Amino acid sequence: MSALRDKYRQLCQVERSIPIFSQAWWLDAVAPDSWGVVLCEKDDKIVASMPFIIKQKLFVSMVTMPALTQYLGPWFRGSDDRESRRLGREKDLMEELISQLPKFDHFSANWSYKVTNWLPFYWAGFKQTTRYTYVLERLADQQVLWDQLQQNIRGDVRKAEGRFSLKVRNDLSLQDFLALNSLVYERQGLPVPYSVDLVERIDQACASRSARTILIAEDEQGRHHAGVYVVWDEHSAYYIMGGGDPELRKSGATSLCMWEAIKFCAGVTERFDFEGSMMEPVERFFRAFGATQKPYFSLTKTPSKLLKSYLFLQDLRGKA
């Protein structure tokens, strides 16, 4: 495994098309001891890869997604093949990637919306659920971005800046942001689904590469209303965490922070990915920024009959 990881690290250093969530340094941050990778090579060159996270719980082996990581899936070296040949090539490469995966009792992974062919995984017994994200494809023209905001978002931004005199700061600490972030879950009576240690590792890795920003809306009394945490590579920015004070929810601060994040990211990358949500209120908020809906695949496979029965019962309880 270590030899494959070393090869993959070298690939990530030179291959700029590998997205941030599949970069070796990101995997080191989110799953330092539990990530692996399968590779396809041709003529001493890596032509396909697929990193994964593997966890062992009692006697159950699970290939799964780490927290705060939007996508993990196959990457293919670009080619100028015609469509039929490209699909045939992808089929062969996917079959090779699947054959190299470690033995597992359950598999779960979200793919980038840019990977639209999962047929070889279907033929290998995997199942797929379509999920959605929202993406602003072009960030260069600020006036166009402003014009495509829905009226309620523009109203929130004006209210936050005008009536509440909020200023968005980018010089506050990770701890300031996490204090806001934890309030989101506290209000819902839920535990925060990731540890402070994990966020600190992500922050250190991204900050050292100038690949993240923390934006927090502050009023004249020094109160923090809302904040967003955004990471990026040269192709796209991703909103991965947010937070807000529930007692100050009516100030429009969340919309202001998101708008300022979009404007900021126009100077460092090409797109802005809201990372999507299947929760209706969150989806409505993201859609209001004028972004394009993008379907992406969530793949699963559960060879273990016992675990499959357990997950089925859990699903039934969740729907009850």
C-alpha atoms as a PDB file:
ATOM      1  CA  MET A   1       0.000   0.000   0.000  1.00  0.00           C
ATOM      2  CA  SER A   2       2.783   2.456   0.864  1.00  0.00           C
ATOM      3  CA  ALA A   3       4.391   2.015  -2.564  1.00  0.00           C
ATOM      4  CA  LEU A   4       1.104   2.827  -4.293  1.00  0.00           C
ATOM      5  CA  ARG A   5       0.625   5.849  -2.056  1.00  0.00           C
ATOM      6  CA  ASP A   6       4.115   7.081  -2.927  1.00  0.00           C
ATOM      7  CA  LYS A   7       3.377   6.711  -6.646  1.00  0.00           C
ATOM      8  CA  TYR A   8       0.117   8.554  -6.164  1.00  0.00           C
ATOM      9  CA  ARG A   9       1.804  11.389  -4.271  1.00  0.00           C
ATOM     10  CA  GLN A  10       4.146  11.862  -7.201  1.00  0.00           C
ATOM     11  CA  LEU A  11       1.201  11.881  -9.608  1.00  0.00           C
ATOM     12  CA  CYS A  12      -0.625  14.507  -7.558  1.00  0.00           C
ATOM     13  CA  GLN A  13       2.404  16.766  -7.586  1.00  0.00           C
ATOM     14  CA  VAL A  14       2.407  17.005 -11.375  1.00  0.00           C
ATOM     15  CA  GLU A  15      -1.187  16.280 -12.450  1.00  0.00           C
ATOM     16  CA  ARG A  16      -3.200  19.471 -11.989  1.00  0.00           C
ATOM     17  CA  SER A  17      -6.517  17.948 -13.078  1.00  0.00           C
ATOM     18  CA  ILE A  18      -6.814  15.865  -9.889  1.00  0.00           C
ATOM     19  CA  PRO A  19      -9.333  17.752  -7.697  1.00  0.00           C
ATOM     20  CA  ILE A  20      -8.505  18.942  -4.204  1.00  0.00           C
ATOM     21  CA  PHE A  21     -10.480  16.198  -2.417  1.00  0.00           C
ATOM     22  CA  SER A  22      -8.472  13.489  -4.211  1.00  0.00           C
ATOM     23  CA  GLN A  23      -5.084  15.103  -3.622  1.00  0.00           C
ATOM     24  CA  ALA A  24      -2.727  13.068  -1.455  1.00  0.00           C
ATOM     25  CA  TRP A  25      -2.191  15.958   0.943  1.00  0.00           C
ATOM     26  CA  TRP A  26      -5.960  16.317   1.479  1.00  0.00           C
ATOM     27  CA  LEU A  27      -6.255  12.579   2.170  1.00  0.00           C
ATOM     28  CA  ASP A  28      -3.356  12.849   4.625  1.00  0.00           C
ATOM     29  CA  ALA A  29      -5.353  15.498   6.476  1.00  0.00           C
ATOM     30  CA  VAL A  30      -8.763  13.809   6.578  1.00  0.00           C
ATOM     31  CA  ALA A  31      -7.682  10.159   6.890  1.00  0.00           C
ATOM     32  CA  PRO A  32      -3.941  10.009   7.645  1.00  0.00           C
ATOM     33  CA  ASP A  33      -3.814   6.317   8.522  1.00  0.00           C
ATOM     34  CA  SER A  34      -6.712   4.898   6.515  1.00  0.00           C
ATOM     35  CA  TRP A  35      -6.493   6.013   2.908  1.00  0.00           C
ATOM     36  CA  GLY A  36      -5.328   3.940  -0.001  1.00  0.00           C
ATOM     37  CA  VAL A  37      -5.411   4.125  -3.770  1.00  0.00           C
ATOM     38  CA  VAL A  38      -5.697   1.837  -6.784  1.00  0.00           C
ATOM     39  CA  LEU A  39      -3.842   2.710  -9.979  1.00  0.00           C
ATOM     40  CA  CYS A  40      -3.837   1.728 -13.642  1.00  0.00           C
ATOM     41  CA  GLU A  41      -0.551   2.113 -15.500  1.00  0.00           C
ATOM     42  CA  LYS A  42       0.342   1.948 -19.174  1.00  0.00           C
ATOM     43  CA  ASP A  43       3.807   2.432 -20.632  1.00  0.00           C
ATOM     44  CA  ASP A  44       5.124   3.378 -17.165  1.00  0.00           C
ATOM     45  CA  LYS A  45       2.534   6.162 -16.884  1.00  0.00           C
ATOM     46  CA  ILE A  46      -0.449   6.291 -14.525  1.00  0.00           C
ATOM     47  CA  VAL A  47      -3.584   6.585 -16.663  1.00  0.00           C
ATOM     48  CA  ALA A  48      -6.274   6.118 -14.002  1.00  0.00           C
ATOM     49  CA  SER A  49      -6.550   6.251 -10.230  1.00  0.00           C
ATOM     50  CA  MET A  50      -9.122   5.985  -7.479  1.00  0.00           C
ATOM     51  CA  PRO A  51      -8.301   6.850  -3.871  1.00  0.00           C
ATOM     52  CA  PHE A  52     -10.435   5.426  -1.078  1.00  0.00           C
ATOM     53  CA  ILE A  53     -10.804   5.381   2.692  1.00  0.00           C
ATOM     54  CA  ILE A  54     -11.032   2.019   4.429  1.00  0.00           C
ATOM     55  CA  LYS A  55     -12.220   1.623   8.012  1.00  0.00           C
ATOM     56  CA  GLN A  56     -12.404  -1.476  10.169  1.00  0.00           C
ATOM     57  CA  LYS A  57     -15.214  -1.662  12.729  1.00  0.00           C
ATOM     58  CA  LEU A  58     -15.135  -4.905  14.706  1.00  0.00           C
ATOM     59  CA  PHE A  59     -15.262  -7.530  11.934  1.00  0.00           C
ATOM     60  CA  VAL A  60     -16.678  -5.169   9.294  1.00  0.00           C
ATOM     61  CA  SER A  61     -14.499  -3.590   6.597  1.00  0.00           C
ATOM     62  CA  MET A  62     -15.932  -0.429   5.070  1.00  0.00           C
ATOM     63  CA  VAL A  63     -14.746   1.649   2.127  1.00  0.00           C
ATOM     64  CA  THR A  64     -16.299   5.014   2.835  1.00  0.00           C
ATOM     65  CA  MET A  65     -16.159   8.809   2.594  1.00  0.00           C
ATOM     66  CA  PRO A  66     -14.221  10.919   5.104  1.00  0.00           C
ATOM     67  CA  ALA A  67     -15.963  13.897   6.696  1.00  0.00           C
ATOM     68  CA  LEU A  68     -15.843  17.272   4.905  1.00  0.00           C
ATOM     69  CA  THR A  69     -14.848  15.584   1.645  1.00  0.00           C
ATOM     70  CA  GLN A  70     -17.325  16.113  -1.161  1.00  0.00           C
ATOM     71  CA  TYR A  71     -16.051  13.717  -3.814  1.00  0.00           C
ATOM     72  CA  LEU A  72     -13.873  10.633  -4.108  1.00  0.00           C
ATOM     73  CA  GLY A  73     -13.964   8.667  -7.308  1.00  0.00           C
ATOM     74  CA  PRO A  74     -12.038   7.664 -10.406  1.00  0.00           C
ATOM     75  CA  TRP A  75      -9.676   9.984 -12.231  1.00  0.00           C
ATOM     76  CA  PHE A  76      -8.639   9.362 -15.849  1.00  0.00           C
ATOM     77  CA  ARG A  77      -5.762  10.916 -17.716  1.00  0.00           C
ATOM     78  CA  GLY A  78      -7.147  13.147 -20.452  1.00  0.00           C
ATOM     79  CA  SER A  79      -7.135  12.056 -24.063  1.00  0.00           C
ATOM     80  CA  ASP A  80      -8.446  13.299 -27.395  1.00  0.00           C
ATOM     81  CA  ASP A  81     -10.110   9.977 -28.274  1.00  0.00           C
ATOM     82  CA  ARG A  82     -13.477  10.023 -30.012  1.00  0.00           C
ATOM     83  CA  GLU A  83     -16.457   9.285 -27.764  1.00  0.00           C
ATOM     84  CA  SER A  84     -16.854   5.574 -28.492  1.00  0.00           C
ATOM     85  CA  ARG A  85     -13.167   4.903 -27.938  1.00  0.00           C
ATOM     86  CA  ARG A  86     -13.106   7.011 -24.775  1.00  0.00           C
ATOM     87  CA  LEU A  87     -16.001   5.054 -23.275  1.00  0.00           C
ATOM     88  CA  GLY A  88     -14.352   1.764 -24.183  1.00  0.00           C
ATOM     89  CA  ARG A  89     -11.122   2.933 -22.577  1.00  0.00           C
ATOM     90  CA  GLU A  90     -12.972   4.029 -19.424  1.00  0.00           C
ATOM     91  CA  LYS A  91     -14.711   0.644 -19.253  1.00  0.00           C
ATOM     92  CA  ASP A  92     -11.407  -1.203 -19.305  1.00  0.00           C
ATOM     93  CA  LEU A  93      -9.834   1.130 -16.756  1.00  0.00           C
ATOM     94  CA  MET A  94     -12.803   1.012 -14.381  1.00  0.00           C
ATOM     95  CA  GLU A  95     -12.835  -2.770 -14.490  1.00  0.00           C
ATOM     96  CA  GLU A  96      -9.137  -2.748 -13.613  1.00  0.00           C
ATOM     97  CA  LEU A  97      -9.693  -0.288 -10.750  1.00  0.00           C
ATOM     98  CA  ILE A  98     -12.563  -2.386  -9.358  1.00  0.00           C
ATOM     99  CA  SER A  99     -10.489  -5.558  -9.510  1.00  0.00           C
ATOM    100  CA  GLN A 100      -7.782  -3.931  -7.354  1.00  0.00           C
ATOM    101  CA  LEU A 101     -10.055  -2.682  -4.566  1.00  0.00           C
ATOM    102  CA  PRO A 102      -9.448  -4.332  -1.195  1.00  0.00           C
ATOM    103  CA  LYS A 103     -12.046  -6.759   0.084  1.00  0.00           C
ATOM    104  CA  PHE A 104     -14.911  -4.884   1.763  1.00  0.00           C
ATOM    105  CA  ASP A 105     -18.250  -5.542   3.453  1.00  0.00           C
ATOM    106  CA  HIS A 106     -19.658  -2.159   2.446  1.00  0.00           C
ATOM    107  CA  PHE A 107     -18.627   0.454  -0.115  1.00  0.00           C
ATOM    108  CA  SER A 108     -19.851   4.046  -0.296  1.00  0.00           C
ATOM    109  CA  ALA A 109     -18.400   6.883  -2.371  1.00  0.00           C
ATOM    110  CA  ASN A 110     -19.548  10.124  -3.973  1.00  0.00           C
ATOM    111  CA  TRP A 111     -18.149  10.964  -7.387  1.00  0.00           C
ATOM    112  CA  SER A 112     -17.476  14.318  -8.977  1.00  0.00           C
ATOM    113  CA  TYR A 113     -20.280  15.517 -11.231  1.00  0.00           C
ATOM    114  CA  LYS A 114     -17.729  15.525 -14.040  1.00  0.00           C
ATOM    115  CA  VAL A 115     -17.600  11.708 -14.042  1.00  0.00           C
ATOM    116  CA  THR A 116     -20.809  10.722 -15.807  1.00  0.00           C
ATOM    117  CA  ASN A 117     -20.201   7.070 -16.716  1.00  0.00           C
ATOM    118  CA  TRP A 118     -20.670   4.472 -13.979  1.00  0.00           C
ATOM    119  CA  LEU A 119     -21.826   1.533 -16.132  1.00  0.00           C
ATOM    120  CA  PRO A 120     -18.793  -0.687 -15.401  1.00  0.00           C
ATOM    121  CA  PHE A 121     -19.554  -0.329 -11.678  1.00  0.00           C
ATOM    122  CA  TYR A 122     -23.201  -1.229 -12.334  1.00  0.00           C
ATOM    123  CA  TRP A 123     -22.081  -4.368 -14.153  1.00  0.00           C
ATOM    124  CA  ALA A 124     -19.891  -5.174 -11.125  1.00  0.00           C
ATOM    125  CA  GLY A 125     -22.905  -5.079  -8.796  1.00  0.00           C
ATOM    126  CA  PHE A 126     -22.691  -1.517  -7.464  1.00  0.00           C
ATOM    127  CA  LYS A 127     -25.783   0.635  -7.004  1.00  0.00           C
ATOM    128  CA  GLN A 128     -26.110   4.343  -7.668  1.00  0.00           C
ATOM    129  CA  THR A 129     -28.162   7.182  -6.201  1.00  0.00           C
ATOM    130  CA  THR A 130     -28.252  10.527  -7.978  1.00  0.00           C
ATOM    131  CA  ARG A 131     -27.572  13.525  -5.765  1.00  0.00           C
ATOM    132  CA  TYR A 132     -27.224  17.206  -6.639  1.00  0.00           C
ATOM    133  CA  THR A 133     -24.897  20.110  -6.115  1.00  0.00           C
ATOM    134  CA  TYR A 134     -25.077  23.702  -7.382  1.00  0.00           C
ATOM    135  CA  VAL A 135     -22.210  25.337  -9.245  1.00  0.00           C
ATOM    136  CA  LEU A 136     -21.457  28.841 -10.467  1.00  0.00           C
ATOM    137  CA  GLU A 137     -19.616  28.092 -13.699  1.00  0.00           C
ATOM    138  CA  ARG A 138     -18.042  31.484 -14.314  1.00  0.00           C
ATOM    139  CA  LEU A 139     -16.947  33.973 -11.685  1.00  0.00           C
ATOM    140  CA  ALA A 140     -15.214  36.656 -13.760  1.00  0.00           C
ATOM    141  CA  ASP A 141     -18.091  39.149 -14.137  1.00  0.00           C
ATOM    142  CA  GLN A 142     -19.248  40.396 -10.719  1.00  0.00           C
ATOM    143  CA  GLN A 143     -22.195  42.314 -12.162  1.00  0.00           C
ATOM    144  CA  VAL A 144     -23.514  39.183 -13.880  1.00  0.00           C
ATOM    145  CA  LEU A 145     -23.155  37.255 -10.626  1.00  0.00           C
ATOM    146  CA  TRP A 146     -25.050  39.975  -8.742  1.00  0.00           C
ATOM    147  CA  ASP A 147     -27.811  40.161 -11.324  1.00  0.00           C
ATOM    148  CA  GLN A 148     -28.460  36.420 -11.196  1.00  0.00           C
ATOM    149  CA  LEU A 149     -28.954  36.421  -7.421  1.00  0.00           C
ATOM    150  CA  GLN A 150     -32.589  36.041  -6.450  1.00  0.00           C
ATOM    151  CA  GLN A 151     -34.193  39.136  -4.980  1.00  0.00           C
ATOM    152  CA  ASN A 152     -34.246  37.788  -1.408  1.00  0.00           C
ATOM    153  CA  ILE A 153     -30.465  37.205  -1.457  1.00  0.00           C
ATOM    154  CA  ARG A 154     -29.755  40.707  -2.777  1.00  0.00           C
ATOM    155  CA  GLY A 155     -32.097  42.050  -0.101  1.00  0.00           C
ATOM    156  CA  ASP A 156     -30.241  40.134   2.612  1.00  0.00           C
ATOM    157  CA  VAL A 157     -26.875  41.449   1.422  1.00  0.00           C
ATOM    158  CA  ARG A 158     -28.121  45.049   1.377  1.00  0.00           C
ATOM    159  CA  LYS A 159     -29.757  44.637   4.802  1.00  0.00           C
ATOM    160  CA  ALA A 160     -26.614  43.128   6.326  1.00  0.00           C
ATOM    161  CA  GLU A 161     -24.395  45.917   5.011  1.00  0.00           C
ATOM    162  CA  GLY A 162     -26.888  48.741   5.554  1.00  0.00           C
ATOM    163  CA  ARG A 163     -29.236  48.319   8.494  1.00  0.00           C
ATOM    164  CA  PHE A 164     -26.909  46.033  10.492  1.00  0.00           C
ATOM    165  CA  SER A 165     -23.598  47.611   9.392  1.00  0.00           C
ATOM    166  CA  LEU A 166     -21.906  44.235   9.078  1.00  0.00           C
ATOM    167  CA  LYS A 167     -18.354  43.920   7.847  1.00  0.00           C
ATOM    168  CA  VAL A 168     -16.950  40.650   6.533  1.00  0.00           C
ATOM    169  CA  ARG A 169     -13.525  39.874   7.966  1.00  0.00           C
ATOM    170  CA  ASN A 170     -10.996  37.354   6.654  1.00  0.00           C
ATOM    171  CA  ASP A 171      -8.489  37.747   9.493  1.00  0.00           C
ATOM    172  CA  LEU A 172     -10.287  35.961  12.310  1.00  0.00           C
ATOM    173  CA  SER A 173      -9.237  32.596  13.702  1.00  0.00           C
ATOM    174  CA  LEU A 174     -10.390  29.073  13.022  1.00  0.00           C
ATOM    175  CA  GLN A 175     -11.612  28.958  16.617  1.00  0.00           C
ATOM    176  CA  ASP A 176     -13.835  32.004  15.951  1.00  0.00           C
ATOM    177  CA  PHE A 177     -15.353  30.154  13.015  1.00  0.00           C
ATOM    178  CA  LEU A 178     -15.789  26.862  14.871  1.00  0.00           C
ATOM    179  CA  ALA A 179     -17.682  28.674  17.619  1.00  0.00           C
ATOM    180  CA  LEU A 180     -20.246  29.743  14.988  1.00  0.00           C
ATOM    181  CA  ASN A 181     -20.189  26.374  13.252  1.00  0.00           C
ATOM    182  CA  SER A 182     -21.012  24.485  16.455  1.00  0.00           C
ATOM    183  CA  LEU A 183     -24.070  26.686  17.037  1.00  0.00           C
ATOM    184  CA  VAL A 184     -25.691  25.291  13.860  1.00  0.00           C
ATOM    185  CA  TYR A 185     -25.733  21.785  15.305  1.00  0.00           C
ATOM    186  CA  GLU A 186     -26.474  22.919  18.851  1.00  0.00           C
ATOM    187  CA  ARG A 187     -29.637  24.648  17.636  1.00  0.00           C
ATOM    188  CA  GLN A 188     -30.790  21.383  16.033  1.00  0.00           C
ATOM    189  CA  GLY A 189     -29.853  19.275  19.038  1.00  0.00           C
ATOM    190  CA  LEU A 190     -27.273  17.371  16.996  1.00  0.00           C
ATOM    191  CA  PRO A 191     -23.611  16.554  17.653  1.00  0.00           C
ATOM    192  CA  VAL A 192     -21.056  18.161  15.343  1.00  0.00           C
ATOM    193  CA  PRO A 193     -20.363  15.408  12.752  1.00  0.00           C
ATOM    194  CA  TYR A 194     -16.587  15.968  12.670  1.00  0.00           C
ATOM    195  CA  SER A 195     -13.906  16.534  15.255  1.00  0.00           C
ATOM    196  CA  VAL A 196     -11.997  19.731  15.980  1.00  0.00           C
ATOM    197  CA  ASP A 197      -8.774  17.784  15.330  1.00  0.00           C
ATOM    198  CA  LEU A 198      -9.969  16.910  11.816  1.00  0.00           C
ATOM    199  CA  VAL A 199     -10.854  20.515  11.010  1.00  0.00           C
ATOM    200  CA  GLU A 200      -7.524  21.714  12.375  1.00  0.00           C
ATOM    201  CA  ARG A 201      -5.633  19.251  10.146  1.00  0.00           C
ATOM    202  CA  ILE A 202      -7.609  20.386   7.096  1.00  0.00           C
ATOM    203  CA  ASP A 203      -7.050  24.018   7.993  1.00  0.00           C
ATOM    204  CA  GLN A 204      -3.305  23.598   8.463  1.00  0.00           C
ATOM    205  CA  ALA A 205      -2.962  21.713   5.172  1.00  0.00           C
ATOM    206  CA  CYS A 206      -5.045  24.232   3.203  1.00  0.00           C
ATOM    207  CA  ALA A 207      -3.628  27.363   4.839  1.00  0.00           C
ATOM    208  CA  SER A 208      -0.061  26.236   4.109  1.00  0.00           C
ATOM    209  CA  ARG A 209      -1.035  25.975   0.419  1.00  0.00           C
ATOM    210  CA  SER A 210      -3.059  29.217   0.334  1.00  0.00           C
ATOM    211  CA  ALA A 211      -6.121  27.124  -0.497  1.00  0.00           C
ATOM    212  CA  ARG A 212      -8.720  28.278   2.007  1.00  0.00           C
ATOM    213  CA  THR A 213     -10.451  31.330   3.399  1.00  0.00           C
ATOM    214  CA  ILE A 214     -12.531  31.954   6.501  1.00  0.00           C
ATOM    215  CA  LEU A 215     -15.028  34.799   6.210  1.00  0.00           C
ATOM    216  CA  ILE A 216     -16.970  36.036   9.237  1.00  0.00           C
ATOM    217  CA  ALA A 217     -19.565  38.818   9.354  1.00  0.00           C
ATOM    218  CA  GLU A 218     -19.044  41.084  12.352  1.00  0.00           C
ATOM    219  CA  ASP A 219     -21.155  43.999  13.611  1.00  0.00           C
ATOM    220  CA  GLU A 220     -20.023  47.258  15.216  1.00  0.00           C
ATOM    221  CA  GLN A 221     -20.290  45.695  18.675  1.00  0.00           C
ATOM    222  CA  GLY A 222     -17.855  42.956  17.673  1.00  0.00           C
ATOM    223  CA  ARG A 223     -20.516  40.221  17.583  1.00  0.00           C
ATOM    224  CA  HIS A 224     -20.026  37.471  15.022  1.00  0.00           C
ATOM    225  CA  HIS A 225     -23.231  36.848  13.072  1.00  0.00           C
ATOM    226  CA  ALA A 226     -22.239  34.156  10.545  1.00  0.00           C
ATOM    227  CA  GLY A 227     -19.257  32.641   8.799  1.00  0.00           C
ATOM    228  CA  VAL A 228     -18.247  30.422   5.892  1.00  0.00           C
ATOM    229  CA  TYR A 229     -15.256  28.176   5.276  1.00  0.00           C
ATOM    230  CA  VAL A 230     -14.208  27.726   1.649  1.00  0.00           C
ATOM    231  CA  VAL A 231     -11.398  25.689   0.060  1.00  0.00           C
ATOM    232  CA  TRP A 232     -10.218  25.673  -3.553  1.00  0.00           C
ATOM    233  CA  ASP A 233      -7.922  24.370  -6.217  1.00  0.00           C
ATOM    234  CA  GLU A 234      -7.213  26.065  -9.527  1.00  0.00           C
ATOM    235  CA  HIS A 235     -10.427  24.742 -11.088  1.00  0.00           C
ATOM    236  CA  SER A 236     -13.074  25.231  -8.384  1.00  0.00           C
ATOM    237  CA  ALA A 237     -13.839  26.545  -4.925  1.00  0.00           C
ATOM    238  CA  TYR A 238     -15.960  24.527  -2.488  1.00  0.00           C
ATOM    239  CA  TYR A 239     -18.088  25.734   0.393  1.00  0.00           C
ATOM    240  CA  ILE A 240     -17.505  23.014   2.991  1.00  0.00           C
ATOM    241  CA  MET A 241     -18.656  24.533   6.306  1.00  0.00           C
ATOM    242  CA  GLY A 242     -20.820  27.335   7.577  1.00  0.00           C
ATOM    243  CA  GLY A 243     -22.029  28.696  10.881  1.00  0.00           C
ATOM    244  CA  GLY A 244     -24.171  31.351  12.441  1.00  0.00           C
ATOM    245  CA  ASP A 245     -25.519  32.705  15.703  1.00  0.00           C
ATOM    246  CA  PRO A 246     -29.219  31.714  15.862  1.00  0.00           C
ATOM    247  CA  GLU A 247     -29.990  34.846  17.898  1.00  0.00           C
ATOM    248  CA  LEU A 248     -28.724  37.003  15.015  1.00  0.00           C
ATOM    249  CA  ARG A 249     -30.247  35.050  12.129  1.00  0.00           C
ATOM    250  CA  LYS A 250     -32.332  37.930  10.767  1.00  0.00           C
ATOM    251  CA  SER A 251     -29.367  40.137   9.871  1.00  0.00           C
ATOM    252  CA  GLY A 252     -28.760  38.579   6.441  1.00  0.00           C
ATOM    253  CA  ALA A 253     -25.199  37.727   7.460  1.00  0.00           C
ATOM    254  CA  THR A 254     -25.125  34.258   5.901  1.00  0.00           C
ATOM    255  CA  SER A 255     -26.078  35.613   2.481  1.00  0.00           C
ATOM    256  CA  LEU A 256     -23.504  38.383   2.846  1.00  0.00           C
ATOM    257  CA  CYS A 257     -20.730  35.936   3.761  1.00  0.00           C
ATOM    258  CA  MET A 258     -21.588  33.673   0.838  1.00  0.00           C
ATOM    259  CA  TRP A 259     -21.658  36.604  -1.576  1.00  0.00           C
ATOM    260  CA  GLU A 260     -18.286  37.847  -0.326  1.00  0.00           C
ATOM    261  CA  ALA A 261     -16.892  34.304  -0.656  1.00  0.00           C
ATOM    262  CA  ILE A 262     -18.015  34.121  -4.278  1.00  0.00           C
ATOM    263  CA  LYS A 263     -16.411  37.480  -5.065  1.00  0.00           C
ATOM    264  CA  PHE A 264     -13.198  36.463  -3.326  1.00  0.00           C
ATOM    265  CA  CYS A 265     -13.012  33.140  -5.157  1.00  0.00           C
ATOM    266  CA  ALA A 266     -13.266  34.912  -8.502  1.00  0.00           C
ATOM    267  CA  GLY A 267      -9.674  35.966  -7.886  1.00  0.00           C
ATOM    268  CA  VAL A 268      -8.309  32.484  -7.167  1.00  0.00           C
ATOM    269  CA  THR A 269     -10.242  29.936  -9.259  1.00  0.00           C
ATOM    270  CA  GLU A 270     -12.770  29.351 -12.048  1.00  0.00           C
ATOM    271  CA  ARG A 271     -15.955  28.012 -10.377  1.00  0.00           C
ATOM    272  CA  PHE A 272     -17.806  28.013  -7.084  1.00  0.00           C
ATOM    273  CA  ASP A 273     -19.344  24.739  -5.887  1.00  0.00           C
ATOM    274  CA  PHE A 274     -21.907  25.054  -3.095  1.00  0.00           C
ATOM    275  CA  GLU A 275     -21.405  21.308  -2.451  1.00  0.00           C
ATOM    276  CA  GLY A 276     -25.140  20.732  -2.646  1.00  0.00           C
ATOM    277  CA  SER A 277     -27.612  19.410  -0.153  1.00  0.00           C
ATOM    278  CA  MET A 278     -30.582  17.082  -0.289  1.00  0.00           C
ATOM    279  CA  MET A 279     -32.233  19.123   2.495  1.00  0.00           C
ATOM    280  CA  GLU A 280     -34.931  21.291   0.941  1.00  0.00           C
ATOM    281  CA  PRO A 281     -34.260  24.575   2.839  1.00  0.00           C
ATOM    282  CA  VAL A 282     -30.525  24.359   2.137  1.00  0.00           C
ATOM    283  CA  GLU A 283     -31.104  23.499  -1.530  1.00  0.00           C
ATOM    284  CA  ARG A 284     -33.420  26.499  -1.851  1.00  0.00           C
ATOM    285  CA  PHE A 285     -30.756  28.797  -0.383  1.00  0.00           C
ATOM    286  CA  PHE A 286     -28.002  27.552  -2.723  1.00  0.00           C
ATOM    287  CA  ARG A 287     -30.269  27.723  -5.765  1.00  0.00           C
ATOM    288  CA  ALA A 288     -31.059  31.357  -4.976  1.00  0.00           C
ATOM    289  CA  PHE A 289     -27.494  32.331  -5.902  1.00  0.00           C
ATOM    290  CA  GLY A 290     -28.226  31.577  -9.551  1.00  0.00           C
ATOM    291  CA  ALA A 291     -26.048  28.483  -9.695  1.00  0.00           C
ATOM    292  CA  THR A 292     -26.484  25.610 -12.136  1.00  0.00           C
ATOM    293  CA  GLN A 293     -27.796  22.301 -10.799  1.00  0.00           C
ATOM    294  CA  LYS A 294     -25.322  19.450 -11.305  1.00  0.00           C
ATOM    295  CA  PRO A 295     -26.230  15.790 -10.731  1.00  0.00           C
ATOM    296  CA  TYR A 296     -23.552  13.530  -9.316  1.00  0.00           C
ATOM    297  CA  PHE A 297     -23.402   9.850  -8.413  1.00  0.00           C
ATOM    298  CA  SER A 298     -23.308   8.253  -4.988  1.00  0.00           C
ATOM    299  CA  LEU A 299     -22.229   4.615  -5.371  1.00  0.00           C
ATOM    300  CA  THR A 300     -22.744   1.800  -2.890  1.00  0.00           C
ATOM    301  CA  LYS A 301     -22.223  -1.943  -2.665  1.00  0.00           C
ATOM    302  CA  THR A 302     -22.771  -4.236   0.311  1.00  0.00           C
ATOM    303  CA  PRO A 303     -21.532  -7.806  -0.262  1.00  0.00           C
ATOM    304  CA  SER A 304     -22.192  -8.705   3.397  1.00  0.00           C
ATOM    305  CA  LYS A 305     -25.740 -10.088   3.684  1.00  0.00           C
ATOM    306  CA  LEU A 306     -25.811  -9.452   7.425  1.00  0.00           C
ATOM    307  CA  LEU A 307     -24.722  -5.838   7.026  1.00  0.00           C
ATOM    308  CA  LYS A 308     -27.123  -5.369   4.114  1.00  0.00           C
ATOM    309  CA  SER A 309     -30.022  -6.490   6.337  1.00  0.00           C
ATOM    310  CA  TYR A 310     -28.874  -4.149   9.116  1.00  0.00           C
ATOM    311  CA  LEU A 311     -28.637  -1.153   6.757  1.00  0.00           C
ATOM    312  CA  PHE A 312     -32.057  -1.990   5.311  1.00  0.00           C
ATOM    313  CA  LEU A 313     -33.620  -1.977   8.792  1.00  0.00           C
ATOM    314  CA  GLN A 314     -31.852   1.297   9.628  1.00  0.00           C
ATOM    315  CA  ASP A 315     -33.273   2.820   6.450  1.00  0.00           C
ATOM    316  CA  LEU A 316     -36.770   1.651   7.362  1.00  0.00           C
ATOM    317  CA  ARG A 317     -36.453   3.194  10.824  1.00  0.00           C
ATOM    318  CA  GLY A 318     -35.299   6.452   9.281  1.00  0.00           C
ATOM    319  CA  LYS A 319     -38.378   6.578   7.056  1.00  0.00           C
ATOM    320  CA  ALA A 320     -40.808   5.673   9.801  1.00  0.00           C
END
